[in-house]
Protein backbone atom coordinates (compact mmCIF):
# COMPACT_ATOMS: atom_id res chain seq x y z
CA MET A 1 46.41 -16.43 15.81
CA ILE A 2 46.92 -14.61 12.55
CA PRO A 3 49.81 -14.09 10.84
CA SER A 4 50.15 -11.16 8.16
CA VAL A 5 53.29 -11.68 5.85
CA ASN A 6 54.94 -8.89 3.82
CA ASN A 7 57.95 -9.29 1.99
CA ALA A 8 58.41 -6.27 -0.17
CA GLY A 9 60.35 -4.12 1.91
CA SER A 10 63.71 -2.46 0.73
CA GLU A 11 64.56 -0.85 4.26
CA THR A 12 65.63 -2.55 7.58
CA PHE A 13 66.19 0.42 9.26
CA GLY A 14 63.21 2.02 8.56
CA LEU A 15 60.93 -1.04 9.63
CA LEU A 16 63.03 -1.19 13.14
CA LYS A 17 62.69 2.37 13.83
CA TYR A 18 58.95 1.66 13.57
CA LEU A 19 58.82 -1.22 15.45
CA TYR A 20 60.82 0.38 18.33
CA GLU A 21 59.26 3.74 18.44
CA THR A 22 57.18 4.64 21.41
CA GLY A 23 54.77 7.49 22.13
CA LYS A 24 53.50 7.84 18.50
CA TYR A 25 51.43 4.48 18.69
CA GLU A 26 49.22 3.60 21.50
CA ASP A 27 50.16 0.04 21.49
CA HIS A 28 53.73 0.38 21.26
CA THR A 29 55.09 -0.19 24.76
CA ASP A 30 58.16 -1.83 26.00
CA PRO A 31 59.60 -2.71 22.49
CA HIS A 32 62.12 -5.67 23.17
CA LEU A 33 63.65 -8.87 21.17
CA VAL A 34 62.09 -12.13 22.07
CA ALA A 35 63.91 -14.19 19.77
CA SER A 36 66.54 -14.02 16.84
CA PHE A 37 68.55 -16.04 14.64
CA ASP A 38 71.43 -16.64 16.84
CA GLY A 39 69.52 -15.87 20.14
CA MET A 40 72.28 -13.03 20.53
CA ALA A 41 71.43 -9.98 18.74
CA PRO A 42 71.62 -6.69 20.17
CA ASP A 43 68.48 -5.26 21.73
CA PRO A 44 68.17 -1.56 21.38
CA GLY A 45 64.87 -1.81 23.65
CA ARG A 46 66.59 -3.35 26.91
CA ASP A 47 70.13 -2.93 26.24
CA PRO A 48 71.20 0.84 26.78
CA ASN A 49 74.31 0.11 24.71
CA ALA A 50 72.49 -1.39 21.64
CA THR A 51 71.13 0.95 18.91
CA LEU A 52 69.02 0.35 15.86
CA LYS A 53 71.96 0.83 13.60
CA ASP A 54 73.68 -2.22 15.32
CA LEU A 55 70.73 -4.43 14.81
CA GLN A 56 70.13 -3.34 11.14
CA GLN A 57 73.57 -3.91 10.57
CA LEU A 58 73.78 -7.25 11.92
CA LEU A 59 70.48 -8.17 10.09
CA ASP A 60 71.90 -6.78 6.71
CA GLN A 61 75.46 -8.23 6.76
CA PRO A 62 74.63 -11.13 4.44
CA VAL A 63 72.90 -9.10 1.93
CA MET A 64 75.86 -6.32 1.90
CA ALA A 65 78.52 -9.30 1.61
CA LEU A 66 76.98 -9.88 -1.98
CA PRO A 67 78.14 -7.74 -4.88
CA LYS A 68 76.07 -4.85 -5.38
CA HIS A 69 74.61 -5.72 -8.64
CA ALA A 70 73.46 -9.05 -6.74
CA ARG A 71 71.57 -7.56 -4.00
CA PRO A 72 67.78 -8.35 -4.01
CA ALA A 73 66.13 -4.80 -4.33
CA LYS A 74 63.80 -5.76 -1.96
CA HIS A 75 65.20 -7.53 0.86
CA VAL A 76 63.14 -7.25 3.90
CA TRP A 77 60.69 -9.95 4.83
CA HIS A 78 58.16 -8.78 7.70
CA THR A 79 55.23 -10.60 9.37
CA SER A 80 53.15 -9.72 12.40
CA VAL A 81 51.72 -12.66 14.40
CA ARG A 82 48.67 -11.60 16.34
CA ALA A 83 46.95 -13.38 19.15
CA THR A 84 43.02 -12.90 18.84
CA ALA A 85 40.89 -10.97 21.60
CA ASP A 86 39.96 -13.82 23.81
CA ASP A 87 43.27 -15.30 23.86
CA ARG A 88 45.37 -15.17 27.04
CA ILE A 89 48.41 -13.05 27.36
CA LEU A 90 51.51 -15.13 26.22
CA SER A 91 54.85 -14.76 27.62
CA ASP A 92 57.78 -13.50 26.17
CA GLU A 93 59.22 -17.11 26.00
CA GLU A 94 56.05 -18.38 24.29
CA TRP A 95 56.37 -15.68 21.65
CA GLY A 96 59.93 -16.43 20.89
CA GLU A 97 58.92 -20.32 20.27
CA ILE A 98 56.25 -18.97 18.07
CA ALA A 99 58.50 -16.92 16.23
CA ARG A 100 61.09 -19.72 15.85
CA ARG A 101 58.38 -22.19 14.56
CA ILE A 102 57.20 -19.20 12.06
CA VAL A 103 60.60 -18.93 10.59
CA ALA A 104 61.27 -22.54 9.98
CA ALA A 105 57.97 -23.22 8.70
CA THR A 106 58.14 -20.34 5.99
CA GLY A 107 61.51 -21.33 5.05
CA ILE A 108 63.14 -18.14 6.28
CA ASP A 109 65.48 -20.05 8.63
CA PRO A 110 64.45 -23.84 8.22
CA GLY A 111 66.98 -25.40 10.61
CA ASP A 112 68.03 -29.01 10.63
CA GLY A 113 71.59 -27.71 8.91
CA GLN A 114 70.26 -25.94 6.08
CA PRO A 115 71.28 -22.39 5.38
CA GLY A 116 68.98 -19.49 6.78
CA CYS A 117 68.25 -15.89 6.98
CA ARG A 118 69.10 -13.66 9.84
CA TRP A 119 65.81 -12.57 11.58
CA ALA A 120 64.65 -10.92 14.83
CA ALA A 121 61.24 -11.02 16.80
CA VAL A 122 60.03 -7.91 18.31
CA ARG A 123 57.33 -7.69 20.78
CA HIS A 124 55.94 -4.12 21.61
CA ALA A 125 52.36 -5.07 22.48
CA ASP A 126 50.84 -7.86 24.38
CA ASP A 127 48.99 -9.41 21.96
CA HIS A 128 51.29 -9.94 19.02
CA ILE A 129 55.11 -9.88 17.76
CA HIS A 130 56.75 -8.75 14.38
CA ILE A 131 59.48 -10.61 12.65
CA VAL A 132 62.02 -9.09 10.70
CA ALA A 133 64.06 -11.08 8.27
CA THR A 134 66.59 -10.27 5.44
CA LEU A 135 66.17 -12.54 2.52
CA VAL A 136 69.68 -13.55 1.80
CA CYS A 137 70.88 -16.48 3.61
CA GLU A 138 74.24 -16.83 5.42
CA ASP A 139 75.93 -18.76 2.26
CA GLY A 140 74.52 -15.95 0.10
CA SER A 141 71.48 -17.85 -1.61
CA ARG A 142 67.86 -17.04 -1.45
CA PRO A 143 65.47 -18.77 1.02
CA ASP A 144 62.73 -21.03 -0.32
CA ASP A 145 60.07 -18.71 0.90
CA PHE A 146 57.47 -19.72 -1.66
CA ARG A 147 53.83 -19.12 -0.35
CA SER A 148 55.41 -18.16 2.98
CA GLY A 149 51.92 -16.64 3.91
CA LYS A 150 49.93 -19.97 3.45
CA ARG A 151 52.83 -21.72 5.28
CA ALA A 152 52.71 -19.25 8.13
CA GLN A 153 48.84 -19.62 8.38
CA ALA A 154 49.36 -23.56 8.37
CA GLU A 155 51.70 -23.36 11.24
CA CYS A 156 49.57 -20.81 13.40
CA ARG A 157 46.83 -23.52 13.33
CA LEU A 158 49.09 -26.14 14.75
CA ILE A 159 50.44 -23.57 17.27
CA GLU A 160 46.87 -22.95 18.18
CA LYS A 161 46.04 -26.44 19.21
CA GLU A 162 48.95 -26.96 21.22
CA LEU A 163 48.92 -23.73 23.33
CA GLY A 164 45.12 -24.15 23.98
CA LEU A 165 44.24 -20.79 21.91
CA HIS A 166 41.31 -19.63 19.83
CA GLN A 167 41.49 -21.74 16.77
CA VAL A 168 41.10 -19.29 13.94
CA ALA A 169 38.88 -20.89 11.01
CA PRO A 170 41.60 -21.73 8.16
CA GLY A 171 41.39 -19.44 5.17
CA ASP A 172 40.15 -20.68 1.47
CA GLY A 173 41.80 -17.62 -0.53
CA THR A 174 38.68 -15.88 -0.83
CA ALA A 175 38.67 -13.37 1.91
CA ALA A 176 39.58 -9.67 1.19
CA GLN A 177 42.85 -8.40 1.65
CA ARG A 178 43.55 -7.16 5.21
CA PRO A 179 44.84 -3.66 5.83
CA THR A 180 48.65 -3.56 6.33
CA SER A 181 50.14 -2.26 9.61
CA ALA A 182 50.93 0.91 7.76
CA GLU A 183 47.54 1.13 6.49
CA ARG A 184 46.00 0.89 10.24
CA HIS A 185 48.83 3.16 11.82
CA LYS A 186 48.09 5.81 9.05
CA ALA A 187 44.54 5.65 9.70
CA GLU A 188 45.29 6.25 13.57
CA ARG A 189 47.37 9.24 12.89
CA GLN A 190 44.77 10.67 10.44
CA GLY A 191 41.98 9.86 13.13
CA ARG A 192 40.10 7.54 10.76
CA GLU A 193 38.01 5.11 12.49
CA ARG A 194 38.81 2.68 9.60
CA THR A 195 41.64 2.50 7.24
CA ALA A 196 41.17 3.83 3.61
CA ARG A 197 41.24 0.19 2.06
CA GLU A 198 38.27 -0.66 4.49
CA GLU A 199 36.13 2.55 3.61
CA LEU A 200 36.84 2.19 0.23
CA ARG A 201 35.69 -1.37 0.06
CA GLU A 202 32.31 -0.46 2.02
CA THR A 203 31.93 2.44 -0.54
CA VAL A 204 32.21 0.09 -3.77
CA ARG A 205 30.10 -2.35 -2.28
CA ARG A 206 27.29 -0.22 -1.57
CA ALA A 207 27.71 1.31 -5.13
CA VAL A 208 27.51 -2.36 -6.55
CA SER A 209 24.02 -3.07 -4.41
CA GLY A 210 21.52 -3.24 -7.25
CA ALA A 211 23.37 -1.67 -10.11
CA ARG A 212 22.69 -2.78 -13.60
CA SER A 213 25.53 -0.97 -15.53
CA ASP A 214 28.88 0.44 -15.48
CA LYS A 215 27.63 3.90 -15.93
CA GLU A 216 25.13 3.57 -12.97
CA PHE A 217 28.36 1.66 -10.85
CA PHE A 218 30.55 4.53 -11.55
CA ASP A 219 27.99 7.58 -11.08
CA ARG A 220 27.50 6.32 -7.64
CA LEU A 221 31.10 6.08 -6.88
CA ALA A 222 31.20 9.71 -7.99
CA ALA A 223 28.47 10.72 -5.90
CA ALA A 224 29.77 9.05 -2.64
CA GLY A 225 32.78 11.37 -3.15
CA VAL A 226 35.70 8.94 -4.28
CA LEU A 227 38.14 9.51 -6.83
CA ILE A 228 38.30 7.20 -9.77
CA ARG A 229 40.72 5.99 -12.39
CA LYS A 230 39.30 3.75 -15.09
CA ARG A 231 41.65 1.74 -17.17
CA ALA A 232 40.87 1.19 -20.93
CA ALA A 233 42.16 -1.07 -23.69
CA PRO A 234 43.40 0.79 -27.09
CA SER A 235 40.00 -0.05 -28.22
CA GLY A 236 38.53 2.05 -25.66
CA ASP A 237 36.73 -0.56 -24.11
CA LEU A 238 36.87 -0.29 -20.32
CA LEU A 239 39.05 -3.00 -18.62
CA GLY A 240 39.18 -2.22 -14.82
CA TYR A 241 39.23 0.98 -12.32
CA LYS A 242 41.10 2.15 -9.05
CA VAL A 243 39.49 4.25 -6.48
CA ALA A 244 40.93 6.74 -3.60
CA LEU A 245 39.49 8.84 -0.65
CA PRO A 246 40.51 12.30 -1.70
CA ASP A 247 42.34 12.97 1.55
CA ASP A 248 44.26 9.65 1.62
CA LEU A 249 47.53 10.93 0.51
CA ASN A 250 50.96 9.47 -0.22
CA LYS A 251 54.33 11.34 1.05
CA ASP A 252 54.20 12.93 -2.39
CA GLY A 253 51.10 14.37 -1.73
CA GLU A 254 49.22 12.25 -4.16
CA PRO A 255 46.05 10.29 -3.97
CA VAL A 256 46.51 6.52 -2.88
CA PHE A 257 44.44 4.31 -5.23
CA TYR A 258 43.32 0.83 -4.95
CA PRO A 259 42.19 -1.44 -7.76
CA GLY A 260 39.01 -3.08 -7.08
CA ALA A 261 40.38 -6.52 -7.13
CA ARG A 262 42.59 -5.40 -3.99
CA LEU A 263 39.68 -4.27 -2.05
CA ALA A 264 37.98 -7.92 -2.68
CA PRO A 265 38.05 -10.63 -4.61
CA ASP A 266 34.55 -9.85 -6.09
CA LEU A 267 34.84 -6.52 -6.68
CA SER A 268 37.06 -6.35 -9.66
CA LEU A 269 35.29 -4.97 -12.68
CA PRO A 270 34.69 -8.40 -14.66
CA ARG A 271 33.57 -9.82 -11.21
CA ILE A 272 30.96 -6.90 -10.71
CA ARG A 273 29.62 -7.11 -14.17
CA GLU A 274 28.87 -10.83 -13.54
CA ARG A 275 26.29 -9.54 -11.29
CA TRP A 276 24.03 -7.59 -13.59
CA SER A 277 24.83 -10.16 -16.62
CA GLY A 278 21.69 -11.92 -15.36
CA ASP A 279 19.33 -9.15 -15.34
CA THR A 280 16.96 -8.37 -18.05
CA GLY A 281 17.34 -5.51 -20.25
CA THR A 282 14.22 -4.07 -19.07
CA GLU A 283 13.26 -2.12 -15.90
CA PRO A 284 10.81 -4.67 -13.94
CA THR A 285 9.59 -1.67 -11.56
CA SER A 286 8.76 1.98 -11.73
CA TRP A 287 12.38 3.12 -10.53
CA LYS A 288 14.38 4.90 -12.86
CA GLU A 289 18.09 4.75 -13.05
CA ASP A 290 18.20 8.35 -12.91
CA THR A 291 15.70 8.98 -10.29
CA VAL A 292 15.60 8.54 -6.56
CA ARG A 293 11.87 7.93 -5.00
CA THR A 294 11.81 9.42 -1.71
CA GLY A 295 7.97 10.11 -1.58
CA PRO A 296 5.69 8.38 1.00
CA GLY A 297 5.70 5.00 1.01
CA ALA A 298 8.46 4.59 -1.24
CA PRO A 299 11.02 3.24 1.45
CA ALA A 300 8.30 0.99 2.99
CA SER A 301 7.15 -0.43 0.22
CA ALA A 302 11.27 -1.31 -0.80
CA ARG A 303 11.33 -2.91 2.65
CA ARG A 304 8.17 -5.00 2.09
CA GLY A 305 9.69 -6.33 -1.23
CA THR A 306 12.93 -7.05 0.68
CA ALA A 307 11.04 -8.85 3.08
CA SER A 308 9.37 -11.36 0.51
CA ALA A 309 12.65 -11.78 -1.55
CA ALA A 310 14.30 -12.89 1.52
CA TRP A 311 11.54 -15.04 2.70
CA GLN A 312 11.58 -16.97 -0.78
CA ALA A 313 15.70 -16.81 -0.75
CA VAL A 314 15.65 -18.90 2.44
CA LEU A 315 14.15 -21.89 0.66
CA ILE A 316 16.51 -21.61 -2.19
CA VAL A 317 19.42 -21.57 0.06
CA GLU A 318 18.24 -24.41 2.14
CA HIS A 319 17.34 -26.65 -0.85
CA GLY A 320 18.53 -25.35 -4.01
CA ASP A 321 21.45 -26.16 -6.35
CA ASP A 322 24.73 -24.95 -4.92
CA ALA A 323 25.49 -22.62 -7.84
CA VAL A 324 22.25 -20.94 -7.47
CA ALA A 325 22.11 -20.75 -3.63
CA ALA A 326 25.66 -18.98 -3.90
CA ALA A 327 24.25 -16.36 -6.23
CA HIS A 328 21.77 -15.73 -3.50
CA ILE A 329 24.09 -15.58 -0.87
CA ALA A 330 26.23 -13.01 -2.94
CA ALA A 331 23.22 -10.96 -3.41
CA ALA A 332 22.16 -11.08 0.06
CA GLY A 333 25.22 -9.09 0.90
CA GLU A 334 23.94 -6.42 -1.70
CA VAL A 335 20.75 -6.22 0.22
CA LEU A 336 22.47 -5.91 3.78
CA ASP A 337 24.34 -3.09 2.11
CA ALA A 338 21.60 -1.29 0.72
CA LEU A 339 19.57 -1.60 3.81
CA ALA A 340 22.30 -0.29 6.08
CA LYS A 341 22.78 2.49 3.64
CA THR A 342 19.25 3.86 3.71
CA SER A 343 17.78 2.97 7.36
CA ALA A 344 17.48 5.30 10.07
CA ALA A 345 20.17 6.18 12.83
CA GLN A 346 18.73 3.69 15.46
CA THR A 347 19.56 0.77 13.31
CA ARG A 348 22.28 2.04 10.81
CA ARG A 349 25.14 1.04 12.98
CA GLU A 350 24.17 -2.46 13.66
CA LEU A 351 22.97 -3.18 10.11
CA ARG A 352 26.42 -1.51 8.72
CA ASP A 353 28.26 -3.91 11.00
CA SER A 354 26.06 -6.79 9.77
CA ALA A 355 26.79 -6.05 6.24
CA THR A 356 30.59 -5.61 6.89
CA ALA A 357 30.68 -9.11 8.70
CA PHE A 358 28.50 -10.79 5.95
CA GLU A 359 31.04 -9.60 3.30
CA ARG A 360 33.22 -12.68 4.06
CA ALA A 361 30.29 -14.85 3.97
CA SER A 362 29.32 -13.68 0.48
CA ARG A 363 32.10 -15.26 -1.34
CA SER A 364 33.39 -18.81 -1.51
CA HIS A 365 34.77 -21.34 -4.10
CA VAL A 366 31.10 -22.30 -5.01
CA ARG A 367 30.89 -20.22 -8.33
CA ALA A 368 27.46 -18.42 -8.34
CA VAL A 369 25.47 -18.69 -11.60
CA ARG A 370 23.60 -15.34 -11.96
CA GLY A 371 20.28 -14.43 -13.17
CA HIS A 372 18.21 -16.38 -10.54
CA ASP A 373 19.17 -13.99 -7.84
CA ARG A 374 17.36 -11.48 -9.82
CA ALA A 375 14.54 -10.61 -7.04
CA LEU A 376 17.31 -10.17 -4.17
CA ARG A 377 19.30 -7.74 -6.54
CA GLN A 378 16.06 -5.91 -7.47
CA ALA A 379 15.22 -5.79 -3.54
CA ALA A 380 18.69 -3.97 -3.07
CA ARG A 381 17.94 -1.78 -6.20
CA ASP A 382 14.63 -0.73 -4.75
CA LEU A 383 15.83 0.01 -1.45
CA VAL A 384 18.61 2.24 -2.79
CA HIS A 385 16.08 4.06 -5.04
CA GLY A 386 13.49 4.30 -2.54
CA GLY A 387 15.61 6.52 -0.48
CA PRO A 388 16.15 6.86 3.32
CA ALA A 389 13.73 5.51 5.65
CA LEU A 390 12.31 6.97 8.85
CA GLY A 391 12.91 5.05 12.31
CA ARG A 392 9.20 5.19 12.85
CA GLY A 393 5.73 4.53 11.37
CA GLU A 394 5.30 2.27 8.58
CA ASP A 395 8.91 3.03 7.31
CA GLY A 396 10.08 1.62 10.99
CA ALA A 397 7.85 -1.47 11.12
CA THR A 398 8.58 -2.50 7.69
CA THR A 399 12.19 -2.27 8.50
CA ALA A 400 11.69 -4.54 11.46
CA MET A 401 10.03 -6.83 9.12
CA ALA A 402 12.80 -6.72 6.49
CA ILE A 403 15.57 -7.53 9.27
CA ASP A 404 13.23 -10.52 10.67
CA MET A 405 13.36 -12.10 7.40
CA LEU A 406 16.79 -11.17 6.88
CA PHE A 407 17.84 -12.96 10.00
CA PHE A 408 16.29 -16.11 8.91
CA LEU A 409 17.95 -15.85 5.32
CA ILE A 410 21.54 -14.99 6.89
CA THR A 411 21.36 -17.99 9.36
CA ALA A 412 20.29 -20.40 6.62
CA VAL A 413 23.08 -18.99 4.95
CA ALA A 414 25.54 -19.93 8.01
CA HIS A 415 23.92 -23.52 7.84
CA TRP A 416 24.95 -23.59 4.20
CA HIS A 417 28.42 -22.57 4.57
CA ALA A 418 28.72 -24.87 7.68
CA ARG A 419 27.27 -28.09 5.76
CA LYS A 420 30.24 -27.02 3.03
CA GLY A 421 32.73 -26.85 5.49
CA HIS A 422 33.22 -22.95 4.77
CA ALA A 423 34.20 -22.42 8.38
CA GLN A 424 35.04 -18.81 8.20
CA GLN A 425 32.08 -17.88 5.92
CA ALA A 426 29.74 -19.82 8.51
CA GLU A 427 31.20 -17.60 11.19
CA ALA A 428 31.09 -14.40 9.36
CA ALA A 429 27.29 -15.15 8.61
CA ALA A 430 26.80 -16.05 12.05
CA GLN A 431 28.20 -12.77 13.39
CA ALA A 432 26.17 -10.78 10.56
CA ALA A 433 23.00 -12.54 12.12
CA GLY A 434 24.05 -11.51 15.60
CA HIS A 435 24.17 -7.98 14.36
CA LEU A 436 20.91 -8.24 12.78
CA ARG A 437 19.42 -9.64 16.13
CA THR A 438 20.50 -6.47 17.59
CA ALA A 439 19.00 -4.33 15.07
CA TYR A 440 15.83 -5.85 15.11
CA ARG A 441 15.23 -5.08 18.68
CA ALA A 442 15.87 -1.68 18.02
CA ALA A 443 13.45 -1.32 15.07
CA ALA A 444 10.49 -3.54 16.33
CA ALA A 445 10.16 -2.11 19.86
CA GLN A 446 7.94 0.64 18.93
CA PRO A 447 5.46 -1.27 16.64
CA LEU A 448 5.46 -4.50 18.25
CA GLY A 449 4.63 -2.22 21.52
CA VAL A 450 1.78 -1.02 19.93
CA LEU A 451 0.47 -4.27 18.61
CA TYR A 452 0.90 -5.38 22.44
CA GLN A 453 -1.17 -2.96 23.83
CA ARG A 454 -3.68 -3.39 20.94
CA GLY A 455 -3.95 -7.23 22.02
CA ARG A 456 -4.20 -6.36 25.70
CA ARG A 457 -7.24 -4.45 24.61
CA LEU A 458 -8.89 -7.36 22.81
CA SER A 459 -12.15 -8.46 24.70
CA ARG A 460 -11.78 -11.69 26.56
CA PRO A 461 -14.19 -13.91 24.47
CA VAL A 462 -11.95 -12.60 21.19
CA LEU A 463 -8.77 -13.73 23.24
CA GLN A 464 -10.28 -16.92 24.03
CA ARG A 465 -11.61 -17.77 20.69
CA GLN A 466 -8.15 -17.05 19.37
CA THR A 467 -6.25 -19.32 22.13
CA VAL A 468 -8.38 -22.15 20.61
CA LEU A 469 -7.54 -21.23 17.25
CA LEU A 470 -4.01 -21.05 17.84
CA ARG A 471 -4.14 -24.65 19.65
CA GLU A 472 -5.72 -26.09 16.81
CA ALA A 473 -3.61 -24.64 13.91
CA LEU A 474 -0.35 -24.90 15.91
CA PRO A 475 -0.74 -27.60 18.43
CA GLY A 476 3.32 -28.09 18.70
CA LEU A 477 3.89 -24.32 19.26
CA ALA A 478 0.75 -23.02 20.99
CA GLU A 479 1.82 -23.18 24.50
CA ARG A 480 5.07 -21.69 23.93
CA ILE A 481 3.53 -18.72 22.14
CA LEU A 482 0.87 -18.26 24.84
CA ALA A 483 3.76 -18.05 27.22
CA GLU A 484 5.55 -15.24 25.33
CA PRO A 485 4.42 -11.24 26.00
CA GLY A 486 4.64 -11.22 22.10
CA TRP A 487 1.24 -13.49 22.16
CA TYR A 488 -0.76 -10.23 22.46
CA ALA A 489 0.78 -8.60 19.51
CA LEU A 490 0.19 -11.83 17.46
CA ALA A 491 -3.38 -12.03 18.69
CA ALA A 492 -4.18 -8.25 17.62
CA THR A 493 -2.58 -9.39 14.09
CA ILE A 494 -5.05 -12.43 13.87
CA ALA A 495 -7.94 -9.96 14.82
CA GLU A 496 -6.77 -7.56 11.90
CA ALA A 497 -6.32 -10.44 9.44
CA GLU A 498 -9.65 -12.08 10.29
CA ALA A 499 -11.30 -8.44 9.82
CA ALA A 500 -9.68 -8.07 6.56
CA GLY A 501 -11.22 -11.50 5.20
CA HIS A 502 -8.10 -13.86 5.60
CA ASP A 503 -8.47 -17.15 7.13
CA PRO A 504 -6.30 -16.80 10.32
CA ALA A 505 -5.57 -20.54 10.58
CA ALA A 506 -4.21 -20.99 7.14
CA LEU A 507 -2.15 -17.88 7.58
CA LEU A 508 -0.61 -19.27 10.64
CA SER A 509 0.00 -22.63 8.97
CA ALA A 510 1.51 -21.07 6.08
CA ALA A 511 3.61 -18.55 8.62
CA VAL A 512 5.29 -21.62 10.15
CA GLY A 513 5.21 -24.05 7.08
CA ARG A 514 8.83 -24.58 5.24
CA ARG A 515 10.79 -22.19 7.53
CA GLU A 516 12.53 -23.08 10.89
CA LEU A 517 11.98 -21.32 13.84
CA ASP A 518 14.32 -22.89 16.25
CA THR A 519 16.60 -19.68 15.91
CA ALA A 520 13.70 -17.42 16.97
CA GLU A 521 13.83 -15.82 20.37
CA SER A 522 10.22 -15.17 20.30
CA VAL A 523 8.18 -17.62 18.03
CA SER A 524 5.11 -14.96 18.31
CA ASP A 525 7.11 -11.78 16.71
CA VAL A 526 8.08 -14.06 13.90
CA LEU A 527 4.59 -15.18 13.22
CA VAL A 528 3.61 -11.41 13.70
CA TRP A 529 5.69 -10.40 10.89
CA ARG A 530 5.21 -13.36 8.32
CA MET A 531 1.53 -12.78 8.92
CA ARG A 532 1.24 -9.21 8.16
CA ARG A 533 3.57 -9.71 5.24
CA THR A 534 1.39 -12.55 3.66
CA ALA A 535 -1.90 -10.74 4.37
CA ASP A 536 -0.64 -7.35 3.32
CA LEU A 537 -1.66 -5.97 6.61
CA PRO A 538 0.10 -2.28 7.50
CA ALA A 539 3.49 -3.12 9.22
CA ASP A 540 2.82 -0.17 11.41
CA ALA A 541 -0.16 -0.93 13.45
CA SER A 542 -0.53 2.32 15.32
CA PRO A 543 -3.30 4.00 13.07
CA LEU A 544 -6.49 1.65 12.88
CA SER A 545 -7.93 0.69 9.77
CA GLU A 546 -11.33 2.44 8.78
CA SER A 547 -13.14 -0.66 9.11
CA GLY A 548 -11.85 -1.20 12.60
CA THR A 549 -10.65 -4.72 14.05
CA ALA A 550 -13.39 -6.84 15.82
CA GLY A 551 -13.04 -6.62 19.54
CA VAL A 552 -10.26 -3.93 19.41
CA GLN A 553 -10.46 -0.77 21.20
CA PRO A 554 -8.42 2.27 20.08
CA PRO A 555 -5.25 2.69 22.61
CA THR A 556 -5.60 5.40 25.09
CA HIS A 557 -2.21 6.91 24.26
CA ARG A 558 0.37 6.59 21.52
CA THR A 559 3.35 5.62 23.54
CA ALA A 560 3.85 1.79 23.79
CA PRO A 561 6.29 -0.32 26.07
CA GLN A 562 9.10 -2.33 24.73
CA THR A 563 7.77 -5.99 24.09
CA SER A 564 10.54 -7.10 26.39
CA ALA A 565 8.64 -5.73 29.16
CA PRO A 566 6.78 -8.23 31.25
CA GLY A 567 3.03 -8.68 30.51
CA ARG A 568 0.41 -11.04 31.85
CA GLY A 569 -0.46 -14.40 30.66
CA ARG A 570 -4.09 -15.81 30.05
CA SER A 571 -4.23 -17.09 33.74
CA GLY A 572 -2.77 -13.68 34.94
CA GLU A 573 0.48 -14.58 36.02
CA GLU A 574 3.57 -12.64 35.28
CA THR A 575 5.38 -13.70 32.00
CA SER A 576 8.53 -12.34 30.64
CA GLY A 577 10.19 -13.15 27.13
CA LYS A 578 12.67 -12.10 24.77
CA THR A 579 12.42 -10.49 21.48
CA ARG A 580 14.55 -11.42 18.65
């Protein structure tokens, strides 16, 4: 149950008109009162003789009783209280009791003989109510509504337990500001999928990914098509910024600007500058700030680098100092944003959703020490400067490789937050990992399908020798791997690594060592990508190397089945398995 408090209104009638209006908003059906300060307030939704003006005048009466100069300029307190999607539909009586508890907890109408404000609770949808109050008590005093938002949150946590509803993780003050009801309905009227605030937050996050200076950051924002206003000190030093969408206008036809800090706590200019404060003054790679590399191999190379950086970051998040781990977690968000921005259509949506979900997990009260996260920030930078990747060939295969490594990194982040008691961040990281799992399936199907076919064509003596090798190198995992369809893709990878002069047993041991595999749906898939990255084998195995692979015959066609398709195990029986 999620309350959203807004106590900055000045027009009671305008808010009531919005709450009772039907036809314009899809979720406004059968608006009616479920509770009020005296239980007898007129209900324009159910009483044909009651009007919005009647209700407005009743609520405003204590305000109007004050001398004009003593009336608060903004006297309207408003909160919505929304159930989560998996909650049951509550009755009017239950919503009425929830409203009474919220106004008591927030100090709007504390009860027990204390003076309270006039209020009414309107239900116009199954899953939420709105509470409207006027911020003058019956005796003319002002209510004690200090920190009413936090008090409403605390009361909702108690209500959830008592009513058996979904228990929302308690907040810690590091979340980005939610869109207001007005912003959501404005987006609906304009036919937008998301509010302007949400679109701008994503745009700014992507502009930050891997950036190294104010200039680069603002150049990226300008290239994204947003309007920018900068705030400077009298000395000319830049202090802050605001952004707006060109077509998001207020009633006067002017763009609606949002300061960076109002988009997310870590998007203020000082917090953004912390990201590159730990960067060196030199450019460690071949990318130039004013150049975008889109030539052959650039996206694939960037994805290989991302996989390596993510691989190393897992160990740091699992075992490193908290401040250093926090920096890597924040930088992981930059990598997800950059990967979503540059990936092909088949994975772009899930990667974007993963980055959006992880945004909440990238912040906590553990203050990050920047500088140690340079490899991940460089990976994000390389992804942006490497340009868009194709969904096939080496681009597509290295995308699958990068997603595979990032899945384990984000899972490690979820565990890190859980150990620290960061419930909301842990849940957000778990959601991000779920989107990565789905994106991985889309990205990995073709390259693993090719490897699967190649492994099926290995000669029987080669497969038998590799089976013995697997059992000797990984005795605890061998039987599970041999039962997976992905075993054939791993067998082909082992053969390639051996042909390239590597010790496959050592590669297998290194691929398993220091990293958990419990969250893997297919251990063989994971080992394929880890071995190919470590041995520097082409991620896209469709073209055979010039030297060939021992015991491998070229496939007769280029179209490979999905890796989740049934295959035959070593004994000839049908097997089925899951991909990540």
